[in-house]
N, C-alpha and C. Protein backbone atom coordinates (compact mmCIF):
# COMPACT_ATOMS: atom_id res chain seq x y z
N MET A 1 -22.28 -1.03 16.80
CA MET A 1 -21.50 -0.76 15.93
C MET A 1 -20.75 -2.31 15.39
N ILE A 2 -20.84 -3.18 16.19
CA ILE A 2 -20.79 -4.43 15.36
C ILE A 2 -21.68 -4.88 14.29
N ALA A 3 -22.61 -4.57 14.82
CA ALA A 3 -23.86 -4.83 13.43
C ALA A 3 -23.50 -4.14 12.28
N HIS A 4 -22.88 -2.94 12.60
CA HIS A 4 -22.62 -2.05 11.18
C HIS A 4 -21.57 -2.67 10.09
N ILE A 5 -20.35 -3.29 11.55
CA ILE A 5 -18.83 -3.64 10.94
C ILE A 5 -19.33 -4.70 10.08
N LEU A 6 -20.59 -5.82 10.95
CA LEU A 6 -20.75 -6.96 9.93
C LEU A 6 -21.69 -7.23 9.27
N GLY A 7 -22.64 -6.29 9.01
CA GLY A 7 -23.85 -6.85 8.53
C GLY A 7 -23.88 -4.88 7.45
N ASN A 8 -24.39 -5.62 6.74
CA ASN A 8 -25.24 -4.05 5.86
C ASN A 8 -26.18 -3.59 5.98
N LEU A 9 -26.46 -2.85 7.00
CA LEU A 9 -27.88 -3.23 7.72
C LEU A 9 -27.83 -1.25 8.02
N PRO A 10 -29.48 -0.56 7.63
CA PRO A 10 -29.43 -0.13 8.21
C PRO A 10 -29.66 0.76 9.44
N LEU A 11 -29.23 2.29 10.02
CA LEU A 11 -28.84 2.46 10.78
C LEU A 11 -29.84 2.32 12.01
N PRO A 12 -31.34 2.51 11.72
CA PRO A 12 -32.29 1.79 12.60
C PRO A 12 -32.13 0.30 13.20
N LEU A 13 -31.73 -0.15 12.47
CA LEU A 13 -31.71 -1.49 12.63
C LEU A 13 -30.74 -1.88 13.50
N GLN A 14 -29.87 -1.64 12.67
CA GLN A 14 -28.62 -1.66 14.13
C GLN A 14 -28.89 -1.10 15.34
N TRP A 15 -29.43 -0.32 15.67
CA TRP A 15 -29.35 0.22 16.70
C TRP A 15 -30.28 -0.68 17.70
N ALA A 16 -31.75 -0.94 16.99
CA ALA A 16 -32.44 -2.29 17.31
C ALA A 16 -31.56 -3.53 17.53
N LEU A 17 -31.24 -3.80 16.69
CA LEU A 17 -30.05 -5.21 17.63
C LEU A 17 -28.98 -5.01 18.81
N ALA A 18 -28.54 -3.91 18.54
CA ALA A 18 -27.56 -3.71 19.64
C ALA A 18 -28.53 -3.57 21.22
N LEU A 19 -30.11 -2.73 21.08
CA LEU A 19 -30.63 -2.64 22.04
C LEU A 19 -31.21 -3.90 22.55
N LEU A 20 -31.99 -5.07 21.90
CA LEU A 20 -32.10 -6.02 21.67
C LEU A 20 -30.85 -7.02 22.42
N THR A 21 -29.61 -7.31 21.96
CA THR A 21 -28.34 -7.84 22.92
C THR A 21 -27.82 -7.69 23.58
N PHE A 22 -27.78 -6.27 24.12
CA PHE A 22 -27.05 -5.87 25.37
C PHE A 22 -28.28 -5.43 26.58
N GLY A 23 -29.03 -4.73 26.05
CA GLY A 23 -30.50 -4.76 26.52
C GLY A 23 -30.69 -5.96 27.47
N GLY A 24 -31.03 -6.73 26.62
CA GLY A 24 -31.47 -8.04 27.17
C GLY A 24 -30.25 -8.54 28.15
N ALA A 25 -29.41 -8.75 27.96
CA ALA A 25 -27.66 -9.13 28.38
C ALA A 25 -27.83 -8.42 29.98
N LEU A 26 -28.24 -7.37 29.81
CA LEU A 26 -28.34 -6.74 31.32
C LEU A 26 -29.57 -7.04 32.04
N VAL A 27 -30.86 -6.53 31.27
CA VAL A 27 -32.15 -7.41 32.31
C VAL A 27 -31.52 -8.38 33.12
N VAL A 28 -30.79 -9.44 32.16
CA VAL A 28 -30.18 -11.17 32.08
C VAL A 28 -29.49 -11.11 33.62
N PHE A 29 -28.25 -10.15 33.63
CA PHE A 29 -27.17 -9.23 34.93
C PHE A 29 -28.34 -9.05 36.56
N VAL A 30 -29.34 -7.69 36.14
CA VAL A 30 -29.55 -6.68 36.74
C VAL A 30 -30.76 -7.31 37.78
N ILE A 31 -31.66 -7.71 36.62
CA ILE A 31 -33.32 -8.23 37.66
C ILE A 31 -33.14 -9.93 37.90
N ARG A 32 -33.76 -9.56 39.50
CA ARG A 32 -33.71 -11.03 39.69
C ARG A 32 -35.26 -11.64 39.80
N ARG A 33 -36.29 -11.48 38.77
CA ARG A 33 -37.21 -12.12 39.12
C ARG A 33 -36.83 -13.28 37.54
N SER A 34 -37.72 -14.08 37.67
CA SER A 34 -37.31 -15.32 37.02
C SER A 34 -37.71 -15.15 35.65
N TRP A 35 -39.21 -14.30 35.57
CA TRP A 35 -39.85 -14.23 34.26
C TRP A 35 -39.53 -12.72 33.59
N ILE A 36 -38.83 -12.48 34.23
CA ILE A 36 -38.29 -10.67 33.73
C ILE A 36 -36.79 -11.41 33.19
N ARG A 37 -36.13 -12.06 33.54
CA ARG A 37 -34.76 -12.73 33.46
C ARG A 37 -34.95 -13.96 31.87
N ILE A 38 -35.70 -14.09 32.12
CA ILE A 38 -36.31 -15.35 30.67
C ILE A 38 -36.49 -14.18 30.10
N ALA A 39 -37.39 -13.11 29.76
CA ALA A 39 -37.74 -12.27 28.76
C ALA A 39 -36.13 -11.42 28.34
N GLY A 40 -35.68 -11.18 29.02
CA GLY A 40 -34.36 -10.36 28.67
C GLY A 40 -32.98 -11.07 28.04
N ALA A 41 -33.18 -12.80 28.53
CA ALA A 41 -32.26 -13.82 27.74
C ALA A 41 -32.83 -13.98 26.35
N ALA A 42 -34.10 -13.99 26.47
CA ALA A 42 -34.69 -14.07 24.71
C ALA A 42 -34.49 -13.07 23.80
N ALA A 43 -34.78 -11.78 24.30
CA ALA A 43 -34.14 -10.77 23.51
C ALA A 43 -32.80 -10.76 23.15
N ALA A 44 -31.70 -10.71 24.13
CA ALA A 44 -30.70 -10.96 24.10
C ALA A 44 -30.55 -11.88 23.02
N LEU A 45 -31.04 -13.30 22.80
CA LEU A 45 -30.98 -14.23 21.73
C LEU A 45 -31.03 -14.12 20.53
N CYS A 46 -32.61 -13.14 20.49
CA CYS A 46 -32.77 -12.52 19.20
C CYS A 46 -32.14 -11.60 18.88
N GLY A 47 -31.48 -11.03 19.42
CA GLY A 47 -30.58 -9.61 18.59
C GLY A 47 -29.29 -10.28 18.29
N ILE A 48 -28.21 -11.41 18.88
CA ILE A 48 -27.74 -12.05 18.08
C ILE A 48 -27.75 -13.03 17.24
N GLY A 49 -29.12 -13.64 17.53
CA GLY A 49 -29.63 -14.09 16.43
C GLY A 49 -29.67 -13.21 15.02
N GLY A 50 -29.95 -11.98 15.17
CA GLY A 50 -30.24 -11.02 13.90
C GLY A 50 -28.73 -10.72 13.86
N LEU A 51 -28.45 -10.68 14.65
CA LEU A 51 -26.90 -9.74 13.87
C LEU A 51 -26.14 -11.09 12.97
N VAL A 52 -26.32 -12.18 13.63
CA VAL A 52 -25.53 -13.71 12.61
C VAL A 52 -26.10 -13.63 11.49
N ALA A 53 -27.38 -13.67 11.31
CA ALA A 53 -28.31 -13.60 10.01
C ALA A 53 -28.06 -12.41 9.09
N ALA A 54 -27.89 -11.59 9.60
CA ALA A 54 -27.49 -10.01 9.08
C ALA A 54 -25.79 -10.71 8.32
N TRP A 55 -25.23 -10.62 9.47
CA TRP A 55 -23.69 -10.94 8.67
C TRP A 55 -24.01 -12.50 7.56
N LEU A 56 -24.38 -13.49 7.76
CA LEU A 56 -24.69 -14.65 6.75
C LEU A 56 -25.08 -14.03 5.23
N LEU A 57 -25.93 -13.78 5.62
CA LEU A 57 -27.11 -12.99 4.91
C LEU A 57 -26.68 -12.10 3.37
N SER A 58 -25.75 -10.69 4.34
CA SER A 58 -25.34 -9.56 3.83
C SER A 58 -24.79 -9.94 2.35
N PRO A 59 -25.22 -9.59 1.15
CA PRO A 59 -24.70 -9.25 0.05
C PRO A 59 -23.34 -9.04 -0.59
N ALA A 60 -22.69 -8.20 0.36
CA ALA A 60 -21.68 -8.30 -0.21
C ALA A 60 -20.51 -8.93 0.29
N LEU A 61 -20.97 -10.16 1.05
CA LEU A 61 -20.19 -11.36 1.09
C LEU A 61 -20.28 -11.95 0.26
N LEU A 62 -21.42 -12.32 -0.91
CA LEU A 62 -22.10 -13.03 -1.23
C LEU A 62 -21.28 -12.93 -3.29
N ILE A 63 -20.75 -11.75 -3.30
CA ILE A 63 -20.89 -11.19 -4.69
C ILE A 63 -19.04 -10.88 -4.92
N PRO A 64 -19.24 -10.88 -6.05
CA PRO A 64 -17.67 -10.76 -6.35
C PRO A 64 -17.19 -8.98 -6.89
N ALA A 65 -16.29 -8.43 -6.47
CA ALA A 65 -15.96 -6.98 -6.64
C ALA A 65 -16.08 -6.24 -8.72
N PRO A 66 -16.51 -5.87 -9.03
CA PRO A 66 -17.23 -5.46 -9.95
C PRO A 66 -16.18 -4.98 -10.84
N TYR A 67 -15.00 -4.61 -10.01
CA TYR A 67 -13.68 -4.58 -11.46
C TYR A 67 -12.57 -5.02 -10.20
N ALA A 68 -11.62 -4.99 -10.91
CA ALA A 68 -10.25 -4.94 -10.55
C ALA A 68 -9.00 -3.58 -10.45
N LEU A 69 -8.54 -3.67 -9.49
CA LEU A 69 -7.58 -2.57 -9.38
C LEU A 69 -6.61 -2.47 -9.56
N ARG A 70 -5.88 -1.50 -9.83
CA ARG A 70 -4.40 -0.83 -10.22
C ARG A 70 -4.41 -0.06 -9.70
N ILE A 71 -3.04 0.01 -9.37
CA ILE A 71 -2.19 1.18 -8.67
C ILE A 71 -1.65 1.93 -9.82
N VAL A 72 -2.21 2.97 -10.48
CA VAL A 72 -1.42 3.56 -11.07
C VAL A 72 -0.60 4.61 -10.97
N SER A 73 -0.33 4.98 -9.84
CA SER A 73 0.26 5.98 -9.26
C SER A 73 0.96 5.94 -8.00
N PRO A 74 2.09 6.11 -7.69
CA PRO A 74 3.37 5.93 -8.60
C PRO A 74 3.50 4.82 -8.88
N VAL A 75 4.38 4.13 -10.08
CA VAL A 75 4.34 2.76 -10.65
C VAL A 75 5.61 1.86 -9.93
N PRO A 76 4.80 0.79 -9.60
CA PRO A 76 5.71 -0.72 -9.09
C PRO A 76 7.36 -0.65 -9.45
N GLY A 77 7.87 0.03 -8.19
CA GLY A 77 9.15 -0.07 -7.62
C GLY A 77 9.46 1.34 -8.06
N ALA A 78 8.88 2.11 -8.04
CA ALA A 78 9.47 3.87 -8.19
C ALA A 78 10.09 3.97 -6.90
N GLU A 79 11.12 4.97 -7.10
CA GLU A 79 12.06 6.03 -6.15
C GLU A 79 10.46 6.93 -5.82
N VAL A 80 10.17 7.14 -5.06
CA VAL A 80 9.61 8.52 -4.56
C VAL A 80 9.91 8.86 -3.57
N GLY A 81 9.72 10.91 -3.30
CA GLY A 81 9.49 11.89 -2.62
C GLY A 81 8.44 11.33 -1.91
N ALA A 82 8.30 11.79 -0.13
CA ALA A 82 7.51 12.42 0.33
C ALA A 82 7.17 13.42 0.99
N PRO A 83 5.91 13.79 0.75
CA PRO A 83 4.46 13.16 0.64
C PRO A 83 4.35 12.47 -0.78
N PHE A 84 3.75 11.60 -1.29
CA PHE A 84 3.30 11.29 -2.47
C PHE A 84 1.99 11.01 -2.77
N THR A 85 1.40 11.19 -3.44
CA THR A 85 0.15 10.47 -3.98
C THR A 85 -0.55 9.31 -4.69
N LEU A 86 -1.04 8.52 -3.53
CA LEU A 86 -0.91 7.23 -4.55
C LEU A 86 -2.68 7.25 -5.39
N THR A 87 -2.19 6.88 -6.93
CA THR A 87 -4.10 6.59 -7.34
C THR A 87 -4.23 5.17 -7.64
N VAL A 88 -5.55 5.21 -7.08
CA VAL A 88 -5.93 3.77 -7.84
C VAL A 88 -7.32 3.54 -8.57
N CYS A 89 -6.85 3.06 -9.24
CA CYS A 89 -8.31 3.11 -10.45
C CYS A 89 -8.99 1.80 -10.51
N GLY A 90 -10.01 2.01 -10.76
CA GLY A 90 -10.74 0.37 -10.90
C GLY A 90 -10.88 0.05 -12.44
N MET A 91 -10.66 -1.08 -12.90
CA MET A 91 -10.56 -1.80 -14.31
C MET A 91 -11.66 -2.55 -14.57
N PRO A 92 -12.31 -2.42 -14.75
CA PRO A 92 -13.56 -3.05 -15.22
C PRO A 92 -13.46 -4.13 -16.73
N ALA A 93 -14.54 -4.98 -16.92
CA ALA A 93 -14.29 -6.03 -18.00
C ALA A 93 -14.38 -5.25 -19.81
N SER A 94 -14.92 -3.81 -19.84
CA SER A 94 -15.10 -2.64 -20.48
C SER A 94 -13.31 -3.00 -20.99
N GLY A 95 -12.44 -2.69 -19.83
CA GLY A 95 -10.98 -2.26 -20.06
C GLY A 95 -10.56 -0.55 -19.55
N ARG A 96 -12.17 -0.17 -19.37
CA ARG A 96 -11.74 1.65 -19.87
C ARG A 96 -11.35 1.76 -18.41
N MET A 97 -10.47 2.39 -17.87
CA MET A 97 -9.95 2.51 -16.35
C MET A 97 -11.26 3.66 -15.62
N VAL A 98 -11.44 3.77 -14.18
CA VAL A 98 -12.47 4.40 -13.55
C VAL A 98 -11.90 4.62 -12.34
N ALA A 99 -12.63 5.71 -11.65
CA ALA A 99 -12.21 5.76 -10.30
C ALA A 99 -12.71 4.91 -9.30
N ALA A 100 -11.88 4.40 -8.37
CA ALA A 100 -11.74 3.33 -7.51
C ALA A 100 -12.69 3.18 -6.89
N THR A 101 -13.31 4.40 -5.93
CA THR A 101 -14.82 4.50 -5.18
C THR A 101 -15.33 4.95 -5.73
N ASP A 102 -16.85 5.17 -4.98
CA ASP A 102 -18.36 5.45 -5.63
C ASP A 102 -18.84 5.61 -3.88
N SER A 103 -19.88 5.78 -4.53
CA SER A 103 -20.87 5.65 -2.86
C SER A 103 -21.05 3.77 -2.55
N GLN A 104 -20.78 3.11 -3.05
CA GLN A 104 -20.94 1.41 -3.06
C GLN A 104 -19.73 0.76 -2.84
N HIS A 105 -18.29 1.91 -2.66
CA HIS A 105 -17.17 1.05 -2.55
C HIS A 105 -16.04 1.98 -2.28
N GLN A 106 -15.34 1.67 -1.33
CA GLN A 106 -14.30 1.98 -0.71
C GLN A 106 -13.04 1.49 -0.71
N LEU A 107 -12.06 2.15 -0.20
CA LEU A 107 -10.69 1.27 -0.29
C LEU A 107 -10.34 1.49 1.51
N ALA A 108 -9.62 0.08 1.62
CA ALA A 108 -8.70 -0.44 2.61
C ALA A 108 -7.39 -0.29 2.34
N ILE A 109 -6.61 0.74 2.81
CA ILE A 109 -5.36 0.81 2.68
C ILE A 109 -4.30 -0.08 3.59
N ILE A 110 -3.26 -0.58 3.39
CA ILE A 110 -2.87 -1.57 4.13
C ILE A 110 -1.14 -1.02 4.03
N VAL A 111 -0.61 -0.89 4.68
CA VAL A 111 0.62 -0.47 3.98
C VAL A 111 2.14 -1.22 5.06
N ASP A 112 3.19 -1.76 4.41
CA ASP A 112 4.05 -2.72 5.18
C ASP A 112 3.30 -3.60 6.30
N GLY A 113 1.60 -4.45 6.02
CA GLY A 113 1.33 -5.27 6.59
C GLY A 113 -0.09 -4.31 7.82
N VAL A 114 0.18 -2.73 7.58
CA VAL A 114 -0.64 -2.44 9.27
C VAL A 114 -1.54 -1.70 7.92
N GLN A 115 -3.06 -1.96 8.49
CA GLN A 115 -4.11 -1.50 7.88
C GLN A 115 -4.57 -0.05 8.34
N GLY A 116 -4.32 0.99 7.62
CA GLY A 116 -4.86 2.45 8.11
C GLY A 116 -6.28 2.33 7.77
N PRO A 117 -7.21 3.97 8.26
CA PRO A 117 -8.49 3.70 7.74
C PRO A 117 -8.97 3.71 6.52
N THR A 118 -10.26 3.16 6.42
CA THR A 118 -10.70 3.21 4.85
C THR A 118 -11.40 4.61 4.56
N VAL A 119 -10.65 4.42 3.14
CA VAL A 119 -11.60 6.11 2.46
C VAL A 119 -12.10 6.14 1.72
N ASP A 120 -12.95 6.85 1.27
CA ASP A 120 -13.80 6.93 -0.03
C ASP A 120 -13.14 7.94 -1.00
N VAL A 121 -12.24 7.63 -1.18
CA VAL A 121 -11.19 8.55 -2.13
C VAL A 121 -10.45 7.35 -3.15
N TRP A 122 -9.94 7.97 -4.37
CA TRP A 122 -9.34 7.15 -5.00
C TRP A 122 -7.71 7.77 -5.11
N GLN A 123 -7.42 8.60 -4.94
CA GLN A 123 -6.33 9.44 -4.88
C GLN A 123 -6.06 9.94 -3.04
N ILE A 124 -4.91 9.17 -2.83
CA ILE A 124 -4.80 8.93 -1.66
C ILE A 124 -3.43 9.73 -0.78
N PRO A 125 -3.45 10.90 -0.51
CA PRO A 125 -2.11 11.46 0.16
C PRO A 125 -1.15 10.35 1.15
N GLU A 126 -0.33 9.98 0.83
CA GLU A 126 0.85 9.23 1.73
C GLU A 126 1.87 9.60 2.22
N ASP A 127 2.52 9.79 3.65
CA ASP A 127 3.42 10.74 3.62
C ASP A 127 4.57 9.59 4.43
N LEU A 128 4.60 8.85 4.08
CA LEU A 128 5.82 7.47 4.69
C LEU A 128 7.08 7.67 4.55
N THR A 129 8.14 6.99 5.88
CA THR A 129 9.11 7.06 6.27
C THR A 129 10.11 6.85 4.53
N VAL A 130 11.01 7.13 4.72
CA VAL A 130 12.18 6.71 4.07
C VAL A 130 12.62 5.20 4.30
N GLY A 131 12.35 4.31 3.36
CA GLY A 131 12.86 3.04 2.49
C GLY A 131 12.13 2.56 2.42
N ARG A 132 12.08 1.07 1.90
CA ARG A 132 11.26 0.08 0.99
C ARG A 132 9.57 -0.10 1.92
N HIS A 133 8.63 0.18 0.97
CA HIS A 133 7.25 -0.01 1.78
C HIS A 133 6.11 -1.02 0.27
N THR A 134 5.92 -2.04 1.08
CA THR A 134 4.76 -2.54 0.37
C THR A 134 3.18 -1.85 0.79
N ILE A 135 2.73 -1.85 -0.12
CA ILE A 135 1.34 -0.67 -0.06
C ILE A 135 0.27 -2.05 -0.76
N GLU A 136 -0.54 -2.45 -0.26
CA GLU A 136 -1.54 -2.94 -0.29
C GLU A 136 -3.30 -2.34 -0.43
N VAL A 137 -3.79 -2.41 -1.58
CA VAL A 137 -5.10 -1.82 -1.81
C VAL A 137 -6.33 -2.46 -2.25
N GLU A 138 -7.11 -2.67 -0.95
CA GLU A 138 -8.38 -3.77 -1.10
C GLU A 138 -9.80 -2.97 -1.21
N LEU A 139 -10.75 -3.07 -1.83
CA LEU A 139 -11.68 -2.92 -2.70
C LEU A 139 -12.57 -3.14 -1.67
N VAL A 140 -13.53 -2.12 -0.79
CA VAL A 140 -14.46 -3.45 0.29
C VAL A 140 -15.80 -1.90 0.25
N SER A 141 -16.75 -2.91 0.33
CA SER A 141 -18.21 -2.07 0.95
C SER A 141 -18.09 -0.83 2.10
N PRO A 142 -19.11 -0.13 1.52
CA PRO A 142 -19.12 1.05 2.45
C PRO A 142 -19.32 0.42 4.10
N ALA A 143 -19.61 -1.07 4.17
CA ALA A 143 -19.80 -1.74 5.55
C ALA A 143 -18.48 -2.40 5.89
N HIS A 144 -17.37 -1.98 5.18
CA HIS A 144 -16.02 -2.51 5.22
C HIS A 144 -15.79 -4.13 5.12
N GLN A 145 -16.64 -4.21 4.22
CA GLN A 145 -16.90 -6.05 3.85
C GLN A 145 -15.81 -6.52 2.62
N ALA A 146 -14.94 -7.20 2.51
CA ALA A 146 -14.25 -7.37 1.57
C ALA A 146 -15.63 -8.43 0.44
N PHE A 147 -14.78 -8.44 -0.65
CA PHE A 147 -15.71 -8.85 -1.88
C PHE A 147 -15.02 -10.21 -2.41
N ASP A 148 -16.21 -11.13 -2.84
CA ASP A 148 -15.81 -12.99 -2.94
C ASP A 148 -15.51 -13.24 -4.16
N PRO A 149 -14.74 -12.97 -4.95
CA PRO A 149 -13.37 -13.09 -4.76
C PRO A 149 -13.34 -11.58 -4.30
N PRO A 150 -11.96 -11.69 -3.57
CA PRO A 150 -11.76 -10.18 -3.13
C PRO A 150 -10.73 -9.23 -4.28
N ALA A 151 -11.06 -7.87 -4.38
CA ALA A 151 -9.96 -7.06 -5.24
C ALA A 151 -8.88 -6.37 -4.80
N ILE A 152 -7.64 -6.87 -4.88
CA ILE A 152 -6.74 -6.13 -4.53
C ILE A 152 -5.64 -6.02 -5.44
N ALA A 153 -4.93 -4.81 -5.18
CA ALA A 153 -4.08 -4.68 -5.75
C ALA A 153 -2.24 -4.25 -4.90
N ARG A 154 -1.10 -4.93 -5.42
CA ARG A 154 -0.01 -4.96 -4.42
C ARG A 154 0.84 -3.85 -5.13
N GLU A 155 1.95 -3.43 -4.26
CA GLU A 155 3.05 -2.95 -5.53
C GLU A 155 3.77 -2.53 -4.21
N THR A 156 5.43 -2.61 -4.69
CA THR A 156 6.21 -1.61 -3.79
C THR A 156 6.79 -0.69 -4.37
N LEU A 157 7.60 -0.14 -3.29
CA LEU A 157 7.95 1.69 -4.12
C LEU A 157 8.96 1.86 -2.75
N ASN A 158 9.95 2.57 -3.51
CA ASN A 158 10.86 3.29 -2.70
C ASN A 158 10.95 4.33 -2.47
N VAL A 159 10.71 5.59 -0.53
CA VAL A 159 10.95 6.61 -0.73
C VAL A 159 12.24 7.17 -0.19
N VAL A 160 12.59 8.10 -1.09
CA VAL A 160 14.40 8.12 -1.29
C VAL A 160 14.11 9.88 -0.97
N PRO A 161 14.87 10.20 -0.06
CA PRO A 161 15.35 11.81 0.11
C PRO A 161 15.21 12.46 -0.92
N GLY A 162 14.86 13.78 -1.41
CA GLY A 162 15.11 14.07 -2.60
C GLY A 162 14.82 13.95 -4.28
N ALA A 163 13.90 12.34 -3.39
CA ALA A 163 13.53 12.37 -5.18
C ALA A 163 12.24 13.09 -5.16
N ALA A 164 11.66 13.19 -6.51
CA ALA A 164 10.05 13.59 -6.82
C ALA A 164 9.06 12.97 -6.44
N THR A 165 7.77 14.26 -6.12
CA THR A 165 6.92 13.48 -5.41
C THR A 165 5.70 13.13 -6.40
N SER A 166 5.36 12.14 -6.04
CA SER A 166 4.65 11.35 -7.26
C SER A 166 2.85 12.10 -7.33
N GLY A 167 2.25 13.43 -7.63
CA GLY A 167 1.04 13.64 -7.77
C GLY A 167 -0.20 12.87 -8.40
N PRO A 168 -1.29 13.18 -8.10
CA PRO A 168 -2.68 12.73 -8.56
C PRO A 168 -2.17 12.60 -10.28
N VAL A 169 -2.91 11.46 -10.39
CA VAL A 169 -3.22 11.17 -12.08
C VAL A 169 -4.87 10.34 -12.02
N ALA A 170 -5.42 10.88 -13.14
CA ALA A 170 -6.41 10.75 -13.55
C ALA A 170 -6.66 9.25 -14.18
N CYS A 171 -7.51 8.71 -14.11
CA CYS A 171 -8.14 7.52 -14.30
C CYS A 171 -8.15 7.32 -15.86
């Protein structure tokens, strides 16, 4: 799981790194024969080295976001009822809005400083309590890595009892 989060690796390689790291460490602590312990330590170090290499060499850490993000609904400062639909669009250099997510791009949603699950949709249902809320949306890779520089959209809105809800909007 650590390799999946830190590195944009295929699943078999993630399992191989986990097996080397944790299997090697287990051998070091359980087996008493010195040559087997040395082999276990070498395997654990190779697993850790592979994890670090995957993390440092991951292209998701080194590339800029393909487009800026914009929260198109509800508009900043709006008074909305709960539940509502948060609509996030991408703004590429062409200026034409596109859906913010696809197979290579997901959104990390942060409400009032607390990150929720990463989503692969650009129209997100939200059910917030009454009051003022700050919503931040960040574009991330499928491995949950931020781009460099990051693509982030922020807005503040008020949830008011009895106010009209905000539905999905097209990009």
